C-alpha atoms as a PDB file:
ATOM      1  CA  MET A   1     375.886 284.915  43.354  1.00  0.00           C
ATOM      2  CA  LYS A   2     378.821 281.682  44.506  1.00  0.00           C
ATOM      3  CA  ASN A   3     375.855 279.646  43.421  1.00  0.00           C
ATOM      4  CA  LYS A   4     375.453 280.671  40.275  1.00  0.00           C
ATOM      5  CA  LEU A   5     378.682 281.021  39.297  1.00  0.00           C
ATOM      6  CA  LEU A   6     379.137 276.943  41.162  1.00  0.00           C
ATOM      7  CA  LEU A   7     376.355 276.147  38.840  1.00  0.00           C
ATOM      8  CA  ALA A   8     378.123 277.723  35.881  1.00  0.00           C
ATOM      9  CA  LEU A   9     381.160 276.496  35.942  1.00  0.00           C
ATOM     10  CA  PRO A  10     380.158 273.046  34.512  1.00  0.00           C
ATOM     11  CA  LEU A  11     378.518 274.342  31.217  1.00  0.00           C
ATOM     12  CA  ILE A  12     382.032 277.085  30.749  1.00  0.00           C
ATOM     13  CA  ILE A  13     384.340 273.803  30.924  1.00  0.00           C
ATOM     14  CA  LEU A  14     381.832 271.705  28.221  1.00  0.00           C
ATOM     15  CA  LEU A  15     381.420 274.654  26.196  1.00  0.00           C
ATOM     16  CA  SER A  16     385.164 274.967  26.380  1.00  0.00           C
ATOM     17  CA  THR A  17     386.192 271.302  25.652  1.00  0.00           C
ATOM     18  CA  VAL A  18     383.623 270.758  22.768  1.00  0.00           C
ATOM     19  CA  SER A  19     385.651 274.356  21.134  1.00  0.00           C
ATOM     20  CA  ASN A  20     388.714 273.171  21.721  1.00  0.00           C
ATOM     21  CA  ALA A  21     387.949 269.686  19.724  1.00  0.00           C
ATOM     22  CA  GLN A  22     386.182 271.061  17.522  1.00  0.00           C
ATOM     23  CA  ARG A  23     389.774 273.500  16.257  1.00  0.00           C
ATOM     24  CA  LEU A  24     391.658 269.760  17.154  1.00  0.00           C
ATOM     25  CA  ARG A  25     389.520 268.706  14.557  1.00  0.00           C
ATOM     26  CA  SER A  26     390.089 271.352  11.658  1.00  0.00           C
ATOM     27  CA  ARG A  27     393.482 271.871  12.921  1.00  0.00           C
ATOM     28  CA  TRP A  28     394.460 268.941  10.084  1.00  0.00           C
ATOM     29  CA  LYS A  29     393.239 271.908   7.656  1.00  0.00           C
ATOM     30  CA  ALA A  30     396.077 273.777   8.480  1.00  0.00           C
ATOM     31  CA  TYR A  31     398.683 271.010   7.967  1.00  0.00           C
ATOM     32  CA  ARG A  32     397.424 269.322   4.982  1.00  0.00           C
ATOM     33  CA  TYR A  33     401.404 269.065   3.801  1.00  0.00           C
ATOM     34  CA  GLU A  34     403.943 266.521   5.172  1.00  0.00           C
ATOM     35  CA  TRP A  35     408.071 265.838   5.044  1.00  0.00           C
ATOM     36  CA  SER A  36     409.183 263.021   5.991  1.00  0.00           C
ATOM     37  CA  ALA A  37     412.889 261.566   5.903  1.00  0.00           C
ATOM     38  CA  GLY A  38     413.690 257.651   6.999  1.00  0.00           C
ATOM     39  CA  VAL A  39     416.326 254.934   7.460  1.00  0.00           C
ATOM     40  CA  GLY A  40     415.934 251.337   7.916  1.00  0.00           C
ATOM     41  CA  ALA A  41     416.200 248.133   6.577  1.00  0.00           C
ATOM     42  CA  ALA A  42     415.423 246.489   3.166  1.00  0.00           C
ATOM     43  CA  ASN A  43     415.292 242.384   3.121  1.00  0.00           C
ATOM     44  CA  PHE A  44     413.718 240.226   0.136  1.00  0.00           C
ATOM     45  CA  LEU A  45     411.831 237.481  -1.336  1.00  0.00           C
ATOM     46  CA  GLY A  46     412.743 235.492  -3.667  1.00  0.00           C
ATOM     47  CA  ASP A  47     414.669 231.750  -5.761  1.00  0.00           C
ATOM     48  CA  LEU A  48     417.967 232.554  -3.545  1.00  0.00           C
ATOM     49  CA  GLY A  49     418.925 231.427  -0.311  1.00  0.00           C
ATOM     50  CA  GLY A  50     416.139 231.333   2.468  1.00  0.00           C
ATOM     51  CA  ALA A  51     415.086 228.499   5.047  1.00  0.00           C
ATOM     52  CA  ASN A  52     416.585 225.042   4.735  1.00  0.00           C
ATOM     53  CA  GLN A  53     413.392 223.631   3.294  1.00  0.00           C
ATOM     54  CA  ILE A  54     412.332 223.748  -0.675  1.00  0.00           C
ATOM     55  CA  GLY A  55     411.925 227.217  -1.369  1.00  0.00           C
ATOM     56  CA  THR A  56     408.608 229.107  -1.258  1.00  0.00           C
ATOM     57  CA  ASN A  57     407.195 233.159  -1.500  1.00  0.00           C
ATOM     58  CA  GLY A  58     406.551 233.744   2.750  1.00  0.00           C
ATOM     59  CA  PHE A  59     407.561 235.181   5.151  1.00  0.00           C
ATOM     60  CA  LYS A  60     409.601 231.847   6.466  1.00  0.00           C
ATOM     61  CA  ASP A  61     412.046 232.071   3.931  1.00  0.00           C
ATOM     62  CA  LEU A  62     413.202 235.460   5.140  1.00  0.00           C
ATOM     63  CA  GLU A  63     417.339 235.482   5.068  1.00  0.00           C
ATOM     64  CA  LEU A  64     417.097 238.083   8.152  1.00  0.00           C
ATOM     65  CA  SER A  65     421.700 237.716   7.679  1.00  0.00           C
ATOM     66  CA  LEU A  66     421.161 239.454   4.777  1.00  0.00           C
ATOM     67  CA  THR A  67     418.846 242.504   5.937  1.00  0.00           C
ATOM     68  CA  ARG A  68     420.913 245.994   3.741  1.00  0.00           C
ATOM     69  CA  PRO A  69     420.011 249.783   4.948  1.00  0.00           C
ATOM     70  CA  ALA A  70     417.846 251.633   3.678  1.00  0.00           C
ATOM     71  CA  LEU A  71     416.793 255.317   3.244  1.00  0.00           C
ATOM     72  CA  THR A  72     414.009 256.967   2.291  1.00  0.00           C
ATOM     73  CA  LEU A  73     412.833 260.947   1.464  1.00  0.00           C
ATOM     74  CA  GLY A  74     408.360 261.766   1.552  1.00  0.00           C
ATOM     75  CA  LEU A  75     405.600 264.386   1.307  1.00  0.00           C
ATOM     76  CA  LYS A  76     402.246 263.679   1.739  1.00  0.00           C
ATOM     77  CA  TYR A  77     399.102 265.180   1.623  1.00  0.00           C
ATOM     78  CA  LYS A  78     395.715 265.227   3.845  1.00  0.00           C
ATOM     79  CA  ILE A  79     392.527 264.730   1.799  1.00  0.00           C
ATOM     80  CA  THR A  80     390.754 264.271   4.722  1.00  0.00           C
ATOM     81  CA  GLU A  81     391.501 263.653   8.250  1.00  0.00           C
ATOM     82  CA  SER A  82     391.975 260.185   7.536  1.00  0.00           C
ATOM     83  CA  LEU A  83     393.385 259.868   4.073  1.00  0.00           C
ATOM     84  CA  ALA A  84     395.757 260.791   2.827  1.00  0.00           C
ATOM     85  CA  LEU A  85     398.505 260.793  -0.519  1.00  0.00           C
ATOM     86  CA  HIS A  86     402.140 259.419   0.376  1.00  0.00           C
ATOM     87  CA  THR A  87     405.033 259.860  -2.209  1.00  0.00           C
ATOM     88  CA  HIS A  88     408.451 258.202  -1.529  1.00  0.00           C
ATOM     89  CA  ALA A  89     411.698 258.240  -3.154  1.00  0.00           C
ATOM     90  CA  THR A  90     413.116 255.138  -1.418  1.00  0.00           C
ATOM     91  CA  TYR A  91     416.711 253.180  -2.054  1.00  0.00           C
ATOM     92  CA  GLY A  92     417.960 249.561  -0.562  1.00  0.00           C
ATOM     93  CA  GLN A  93     419.694 247.247  -1.428  1.00  0.00           C
ATOM     94  CA  VAL A  94     418.876 243.450  -1.447  1.00  0.00           C
ATOM     95  CA  ARG A  95     420.606 240.067  -1.353  1.00  0.00           C
ATOM     96  CA  GLY A  96     420.002 236.513  -1.649  1.00  0.00           C
ATOM     97  CA  ASP A  97     422.638 233.280  -1.587  1.00  0.00           C
ATOM     98  CA  ASP A  98     422.269 230.060  -1.855  1.00  0.00           C
ATOM     99  CA  LYS A  99     425.480 229.256   0.785  1.00  0.00           C
ATOM    100  CA  LEU A 100     423.023 229.968   3.300  1.00  0.00           C
ATOM    101  CA  THR A 101     420.948 227.152   2.915  1.00  0.00           C
ATOM    102  CA  ALA A 102     421.103 223.961   4.130  1.00  0.00           C
ATOM    103  CA  GLU A 103     418.710 222.470   1.610  1.00  0.00           C
ATOM    104  CA  TYR A 104     420.132 220.120  -0.334  1.00  0.00           C
ATOM    105  CA  PHE A 105     418.903 221.707  -4.140  1.00  0.00           C
ATOM    106  CA  ARG A 106     419.370 225.197  -3.391  1.00  0.00           C
ATOM    107  CA  ASN A 107     422.885 225.060  -1.486  1.00  0.00           C
ATOM    108  CA  ASN A 108     423.912 222.558  -4.855  1.00  0.00           C
ATOM    109  CA  ARG A 109     422.930 225.828  -7.461  1.00  0.00           C
ATOM    110  CA  ASN A 110     425.232 227.399  -5.379  1.00  0.00           C
ATOM    111  CA  LEU A 111     423.813 230.799  -7.087  1.00  0.00           C
ATOM    112  CA  ASN A 112     424.227 234.562  -5.350  1.00  0.00           C
ATOM    113  CA  PHE A 113     423.397 238.479  -5.643  1.00  0.00           C
ATOM    114  CA  LYS A 114     422.632 241.436  -4.671  1.00  0.00           C
ATOM    115  CA  SER A 115     421.005 244.447  -6.616  1.00  0.00           C
ATOM    116  CA  ASN A 116     419.792 248.087  -5.875  1.00  0.00           C
ATOM    117  CA  ILE A 117     416.192 248.903  -5.633  1.00  0.00           C
ATOM    118  CA  TYR A 118     415.647 252.361  -6.480  1.00  0.00           C
ATOM    119  CA  GLU A 119     411.773 252.724  -5.963  1.00  0.00           C
ATOM    120  CA  ALA A 120     409.523 255.759  -6.567  1.00  0.00           C
ATOM    121  CA  ASN A 121     405.648 255.097  -5.151  1.00  0.00           C
ATOM    122  CA  ILE A 122     402.276 257.178  -4.341  1.00  0.00           C
ATOM    123  CA  ASN A 123     400.539 255.676  -1.627  1.00  0.00           C
ATOM    124  CA  LEU A 124     397.058 255.691  -0.061  1.00  0.00           C
ATOM    125  CA  GLU A 125     396.810 256.207   3.210  1.00  0.00           C
ATOM    126  CA  TYR A 126     393.805 255.633   5.972  1.00  0.00           C
ATOM    127  CA  SER A 127     394.287 255.980   9.676  1.00  0.00           C
ATOM    128  CA  ILE A 128     392.764 253.655  11.696  1.00  0.00           C
ATOM    129  CA  ILE A 129     393.625 254.363  14.942  1.00  0.00           C
ATOM    130  CA  SER A 130     393.724 257.693  16.292  1.00  0.00           C
ATOM    131  CA  SER A 131     394.176 260.253  18.928  1.00  0.00           C
ATOM    132  CA  ARG A 132     395.000 263.539  19.531  1.00  0.00           C
ATOM    133  CA  GLN A 133     395.459 266.291  22.203  1.00  0.00           C
ATOM    134  CA  GLY A 134     396.172 270.008  22.711  1.00  0.00           C
ATOM    135  CA  GLY A 135     395.286 272.254  24.898  1.00  0.00           C
ATOM    136  CA  VAL A 136     392.254 272.163  27.447  1.00  0.00           C
ATOM    137  CA  TYR A 137     390.390 274.116  29.179  1.00  0.00           C
ATOM    138  CA  ARG A 138     392.723 275.463  31.920  1.00  0.00           C
ATOM    139  CA  LEU A 139     391.709 276.877  34.884  1.00  0.00           C
ATOM    140  CA  ARG A 140     394.397 279.386  38.067  1.00  0.00           C
ATOM    141  CA  GLY A 141     397.321 277.033  38.920  1.00  0.00           C
ATOM    142  CA  ILE A 142     396.494 274.383  35.993  1.00  0.00           C
ATOM    143  CA  LYS A 143     398.941 274.476  32.893  1.00  0.00           C
ATOM    144  CA  ARG A 144     397.815 273.650  29.347  1.00  0.00           C
ATOM    145  CA  SER A 145     398.218 270.351  28.643  1.00  0.00           C
ATOM    146  CA  SER A 146     400.743 269.650  25.920  1.00  0.00           C
ATOM    147  CA  SER A 147     399.946 268.998  22.423  1.00  0.00           C
ATOM    148  CA  PHE A 148     400.399 265.564  20.507  1.00  0.00           C
ATOM    149  CA  GLU A 149     399.096 263.457  18.155  1.00  0.00           C
ATOM    150  CA  ALA A 150     399.119 260.049  17.263  1.00  0.00           C
ATOM    151  CA  LEU A 151     398.010 257.745  14.904  1.00  0.00           C
ATOM    152  CA  GLY A 152     398.338 253.981  13.031  1.00  0.00           C
ATOM    153  CA  TYR A 153     397.282 253.680   9.511  1.00  0.00           C
ATOM    154  CA  LEU A 154     397.278 251.083   6.794  1.00  0.00           C
ATOM    155  CA  PHE A 155     398.394 252.075   2.945  1.00  0.00           C
ATOM    156  CA  ALA A 156     398.461 250.486  -0.237  1.00  0.00           C
ATOM    157  CA  GLY A 157     399.188 252.032  -3.846  1.00  0.00           C
ATOM    158  CA  VAL A 158     401.536 251.881  -7.139  1.00  0.00           C
ATOM    159  CA  GLY A 159     405.632 252.392  -7.834  1.00  0.00           C
ATOM    160  CA  VAL A 160     408.455 252.285 -10.117  1.00  0.00           C
ATOM    161  CA  PHE A 161     411.401 250.950  -9.359  1.00  0.00           C
ATOM    162  CA  HIS A 162     415.176 250.115 -10.601  1.00  0.00           C
ATOM    163  CA  PHE A 163     416.815 247.269  -9.798  1.00  0.00           C
ATOM    164  CA  ASN A 164     420.572 245.542 -11.393  1.00  0.00           C
ATOM    165  CA  PRO A 165     421.585 241.372  -9.791  1.00  0.00           C
ATOM    166  CA  GLN A 166     424.646 241.281  -9.787  1.00  0.00           C
ATOM    167  CA  GLY A 167     426.672 237.790  -8.841  1.00  0.00           C
ATOM    168  CA  GLN A 168     430.018 237.558  -7.516  1.00  0.00           C
ATOM    169  CA  TYR A 169     433.133 235.089  -8.853  1.00  0.00           C
ATOM    170  CA  ASN A 170     436.216 235.442  -7.303  1.00  0.00           C
ATOM    171  CA  ASP A 171     435.462 238.295  -5.355  1.00  0.00           C
ATOM    172  CA  LYS A 172     434.151 240.622  -8.149  1.00  0.00           C
ATOM    173  CA  TRP A 173     430.757 241.604  -9.101  1.00  0.00           C
ATOM    174  CA  TYR A 174     428.895 240.784 -12.602  1.00  0.00           C
ATOM    175  CA  ASN A 175     425.694 242.731 -13.796  1.00  0.00           C
ATOM    176  CA  LEU A 176     424.203 239.291 -14.720  1.00  0.00           C
ATOM    177  CA  GLN A 177     421.021 241.109 -16.746  1.00  0.00           C
ATOM    178  CA  PRO A 178     422.924 241.402 -20.224  1.00  0.00           C
ATOM    179  CA  LEU A 179     425.137 237.888 -19.596  1.00  0.00           C
ATOM    180  CA  GLY A 180     421.367 236.336 -20.303  1.00  0.00           C
ATOM    181  CA  THR A 181     422.261 233.483 -17.592  1.00  0.00           C
ATOM    182  CA  GLU A 182     418.920 231.340 -18.640  1.00  0.00           C
ATOM    183  CA  GLY A 183     419.347 231.653 -22.232  1.00  0.00           C
ATOM    184  CA  GLN A 184     418.169 235.232 -22.678  1.00  0.00           C
ATOM    185  CA  GLY A 185     419.075 236.773 -26.056  1.00  0.00           C
ATOM    186  CA  ILE A 186     420.244 233.037 -27.133  1.00  0.00           C
ATOM    187  CA  SER A 187     417.697 230.932 -26.818  1.00  0.00           C
ATOM    188  CA  GLU A 188     414.438 231.294 -29.108  1.00  0.00           C
ATOM    189  CA  GLY A 189     411.091 233.531 -26.966  1.00  0.00           C
ATOM    190  CA  ARG A 190     413.702 234.273 -24.212  1.00  0.00           C
ATOM    191  CA  THR A 191     414.271 237.986 -24.141  1.00  0.00           C
ATOM    192  CA  LYS A 192     416.423 239.572 -21.429  1.00  0.00           C
ATOM    193  CA  TYR A 193     414.033 241.339 -18.529  1.00  0.00           C
ATOM    194  CA  LYS A 194     413.403 244.577 -18.003  1.00  0.00           C
ATOM    195  CA  ARG A 195     415.134 246.028 -15.475  1.00  0.00           C
ATOM    196  CA  THR A 196     412.263 249.052 -14.750  1.00  0.00           C
ATOM    197  CA  GLN A 197     409.567 247.781 -13.184  1.00  0.00           C
ATOM    198  CA  LEU A 198     405.958 248.048 -11.494  1.00  0.00           C
ATOM    199  CA  CYS A 199     405.589 247.228  -8.072  1.00  0.00           C
ATOM    200  CA  ILE A 200     402.392 247.459  -5.208  1.00  0.00           C
ATOM    201  CA  PRO A 201     403.764 248.473  -1.785  1.00  0.00           C
ATOM    202  CA  VAL A 202     401.068 247.352   0.670  1.00  0.00           C
ATOM    203  CA  GLY A 203     401.743 247.578   4.582  1.00  0.00           C
ATOM    204  CA  ILE A 204     401.057 249.071   7.692  1.00  0.00           C
ATOM    205  CA  GLY A 205     402.366 252.252   9.989  1.00  0.00           C
ATOM    206  CA  GLY A 206     402.461 254.274  13.119  1.00  0.00           C
ATOM    207  CA  ARG A 207     403.462 258.083  13.850  1.00  0.00           C
ATOM    208  CA  TYR A 208     403.546 260.137  17.129  1.00  0.00           C
ATOM    209  CA  PHE A 209     403.885 264.088  16.902  1.00  0.00           C
ATOM    210  CA  PHE A 210     405.075 265.544  19.810  1.00  0.00           C
ATOM    211  CA  ASN A 211     403.984 268.935  19.054  1.00  0.00           C
ATOM    212  CA  ARG A 212     401.976 270.828  15.700  1.00  0.00           C
ATOM    213  CA  ARG A 213     404.665 270.194  13.482  1.00  0.00           C
ATOM    214  CA  MET A 214     407.454 267.171  14.631  1.00  0.00           C
ATOM    215  CA  GLY A 215     407.291 263.894  14.942  1.00  0.00           C
ATOM    216  CA  PHE A 216     408.711 260.351  14.498  1.00  0.00           C
ATOM    217  CA  GLY A 217     407.145 256.680  12.372  1.00  0.00           C
ATOM    218  CA  VAL A 218     407.784 253.327  12.111  1.00  0.00           C
ATOM    219  CA  GLU A 219     407.072 251.831   8.805  1.00  0.00           C
ATOM    220  CA  PHE A 220     406.880 248.578   7.210  1.00  0.00           C
ATOM    221  CA  GLY A 221     406.010 247.809   4.029  1.00  0.00           C
ATOM    222  CA  ILE A 222     406.262 244.678   1.290  1.00  0.00           C
ATOM    223  CA  ARG A 223     406.472 245.518  -2.376  1.00  0.00           C
ATOM    224  CA  LYS A 224     404.489 242.819  -4.709  1.00  0.00           C
ATOM    225  CA  THR A 225     406.105 242.598  -8.061  1.00  0.00           C
ATOM    226  CA  PHE A 226     405.696 241.034 -11.397  1.00  0.00           C
ATOM    227  CA  THR A 227     409.147 240.440 -12.252  1.00  0.00           C
ATOM    228  CA  ASP A 228     410.890 237.285 -11.609  1.00  0.00           C
ATOM    229  CA  TYR A 229     414.158 238.322 -12.032  1.00  0.00           C
ATOM    230  CA  ILE A 230     415.238 240.635  -9.636  1.00  0.00           C
ATOM    231  CA  ASP A 231     417.706 238.045  -8.388  1.00  0.00           C
ATOM    232  CA  ASP A 232     418.366 237.282 -12.026  1.00  0.00           C
ATOM    233  CA  VAL A 233     416.321 233.744 -11.613  1.00  0.00           C
ATOM    234  CA  SER A 234     413.384 232.325 -12.686  1.00  0.00           C
ATOM    235  CA  LYS A 235     413.244 229.070 -15.341  1.00  0.00           C
ATOM    236  CA  THR A 236     415.203 226.462 -16.051  1.00  0.00           C
ATOM    237  CA  TYR A 237     419.199 225.972 -17.151  1.00  0.00           C
ATOM    238  CA  TYR A 238     419.931 226.756 -20.657  1.00  0.00           C
ATOM    239  CA  ASP A 239     423.751 224.799 -22.024  1.00  0.00           C
ATOM    240  CA  LYS A 240     426.191 226.767 -20.451  1.00  0.00           C
ATOM    241  CA  ASN A 241     428.549 226.177 -22.916  1.00  0.00           C
ATOM    242  CA  ALA A 242     426.316 228.016 -25.787  1.00  0.00           C
ATOM    243  CA  ILE A 243     426.211 230.747 -22.477  1.00  0.00           C
ATOM    244  CA  ALA A 244     429.984 231.460 -22.293  1.00  0.00           C
ATOM    245  CA  GLN A 245     430.572 230.631 -26.373  1.00  0.00           C
ATOM    246  CA  ALA A 246     427.890 233.571 -26.827  1.00  0.00           C
ATOM    247  CA  ASN A 247     428.145 235.899 -23.664  1.00  0.00           C
ATOM    248  CA  GLY A 248     431.953 235.291 -22.473  1.00  0.00           C
ATOM    249  CA  GLN A 249     433.801 232.408 -20.224  1.00  0.00           C
ATOM    250  CA  VAL A 250     432.242 234.549 -17.167  1.00  0.00           C
ATOM    251  CA  ALA A 251     428.960 234.675 -18.450  1.00  0.00           C
ATOM    252  CA  GLY A 252     428.812 230.111 -18.278  1.00  0.00           C
ATOM    253  CA  ILE A 253     430.311 229.891 -15.065  1.00  0.00           C
ATOM    254  CA  LEU A 254     427.824 232.517 -13.623  1.00  0.00           C
ATOM    255  CA  SER A 255     424.708 230.727 -15.044  1.00  0.00           C
ATOM    256  CA  ASP A 256     425.578 227.176 -13.362  1.00  0.00           C
ATOM    257  CA  PRO A 257     428.385 227.205 -10.545  1.00  0.00           C
ATOM    258  CA  SER A 258     426.996 224.124  -9.363  1.00  0.00           C
ATOM    259  CA  LEU A 259     429.067 222.653  -6.597  1.00  0.00           C
ATOM    260  CA  ASN A 260     427.954 218.761  -7.320  1.00  0.00           C
ATOM    261  CA  THR A 261     428.438 218.596 -11.448  1.00  0.00           C
ATOM    262  CA  SER A 262     428.329 215.209 -11.067  1.00  0.00           C
ATOM    263  CA  THR A 263     424.107 214.998 -10.444  1.00  0.00           C
ATOM    264  CA  PRO A 264     421.534 216.012 -13.193  1.00  0.00           C
ATOM    265  CA  GLN A 265     420.523 218.815 -11.232  1.00  0.00           C
ATOM    266  CA  SER A 266     422.031 221.426 -13.755  1.00  0.00           C
ATOM    267  CA  ASP A 267     421.405 219.850 -17.333  1.00  0.00           C
ATOM    268  CA  LEU A 268     419.681 221.803 -19.797  1.00  0.00           C
ATOM    269  CA  GLY A 269     415.983 221.588 -19.012  1.00  0.00           C
ATOM    270  CA  SER A 270     416.502 221.202 -15.933  1.00  0.00           C
ATOM    271  CA  GLN A 271     414.397 223.650 -12.845  1.00  0.00           C
ATOM    272  CA  ARG A 272     416.244 227.260 -12.158  1.00  0.00           C
ATOM    273  CA  GLY A 273     413.825 229.041 -10.150  1.00  0.00           C
ATOM    274  CA  ASP A 274     410.627 228.960  -9.434  1.00  0.00           C
ATOM    275  CA  ALA A 275     409.310 231.061 -12.297  1.00  0.00           C
ATOM    276  CA  THR A 276     405.301 230.382 -10.862  1.00  0.00           C
ATOM    277  CA  ASN A 277     406.237 232.568  -7.762  1.00  0.00           C
ATOM    278  CA  LYS A 278     407.032 236.696  -8.798  1.00  0.00           C
ATOM    279  CA  ASP A 279     409.987 238.185  -6.334  1.00  0.00           C
ATOM    280  CA  ALA A 280     409.340 240.608  -3.675  1.00  0.00           C
ATOM    281  CA  TYR A 281     411.444 243.214  -1.558  1.00  0.00           C
ATOM    282  CA  MET A 282     410.186 245.042   2.148  1.00  0.00           C
ATOM    283  CA  PHE A 283     411.172 248.122   3.627  1.00  0.00           C
ATOM    284  CA  LEU A 284     411.487 248.523   7.177  1.00  0.00           C
ATOM    285  CA  MET A 285     411.749 252.157   7.802  1.00  0.00           C
ATOM    286  CA  PHE A 286     411.946 254.245  10.932  1.00  0.00           C
ATOM    287  CA  SER A 287     411.108 258.521   9.760  1.00  0.00           C
ATOM    288  CA  PHE A 288     411.637 262.065  10.720  1.00  0.00           C
ATOM    289  CA  HIS A 289     408.082 263.999   9.711  1.00  0.00           C
ATOM    290  CA  TYR A 290     408.229 267.297  10.095  1.00  0.00           C
ATOM    291  CA  LYS A 291     404.262 269.174   8.550  1.00  0.00           C
ATOM    292  CA  LEU A 292     404.339 272.127   6.595  1.00  0.00           C
ATOM    293  CA  ARG A 293     401.700 274.771   6.950  1.00  0.00           C
ATOM    294  CA  THR A 294     398.905 275.258   4.270  1.00  0.00           C
ATOM    295  CA  GLY A 295     398.488 278.400   2.261  1.00  0.00           C
ATOM    296  CA  ARG A 296     395.025 280.361   1.233  1.00  0.00           C
ATOM    297  CA  THR A 297     396.111 278.461  -2.003  1.00  0.00           C
ATOM    298  CA  ASN A 298     396.495 275.044  -1.107  1.00  0.00           C
ATOM    299  CA  PHE A 299     399.854 274.917  -1.705  1.00  0.00           C
ATOM    300  CA  PRO A 300     402.505 274.659   1.643  1.00  0.00           C
ATOM    301  CA  VAL A 301     403.895 277.943   2.861  1.00  0.00           C
ATOM    302  CA  PHE A 302     408.208 277.002   3.019  1.00  0.00           C
END
């Protein structure tokens, strides 16, 4: 009898392990929904500030000293075990300042800006790495293993964001879009840009759940945009006297606060920004996650 029990024991363990694995694979259906809240950092890639060289739209032009805080709230819905929709509402601030670069053209241009970013998006997440453990077969005197879940994922989606660039003069911040600093609303063919735009979020992230419902995550994403005016700089200089006459003295000053006015750098028609590269911004978020049980109607149970 002992020999039969010893022979049957591996089979019992195997069947129990297979059953446990199947139960773990289907567990995601019971927790399709997931709330998240996070804090992190925001930064910007555009025309102002950056590295000590001619401006680019790459990460080497990132000004880390202008990193600012960001907040996010999200709701995720699992379509399959490895595919999910995740929507977010996110706030962050981005900044740029020509004083922070030693590259002559941008430093002499002497422009600066800050803008709050309010974004809503919906992303498709695909898990590329997944590891899960729950209760395994338990022998007498051996405790069940702790439950955890870890995953890494890629995401891409679509979003809408609102921005409002402001420039500083005499320690006061002014809304730049109404001032038409590149002749918008004055020059024929230059209309004022819209401050609500579309964006394409793409990025990578990871999460670790220390039990069935709660966990922590980290996510980095960059936003491709279709505007070059998040920093209010894009095309060429316009006559600052005409801008001042149309929109006020401060508008004329903020259109061209060049340090050395004796050079032709800011003459009418000279390059002020680079319209061939659209602006981009990014978020690095650290978040808390809480899974919601799925009800019989496939809606979350609170």
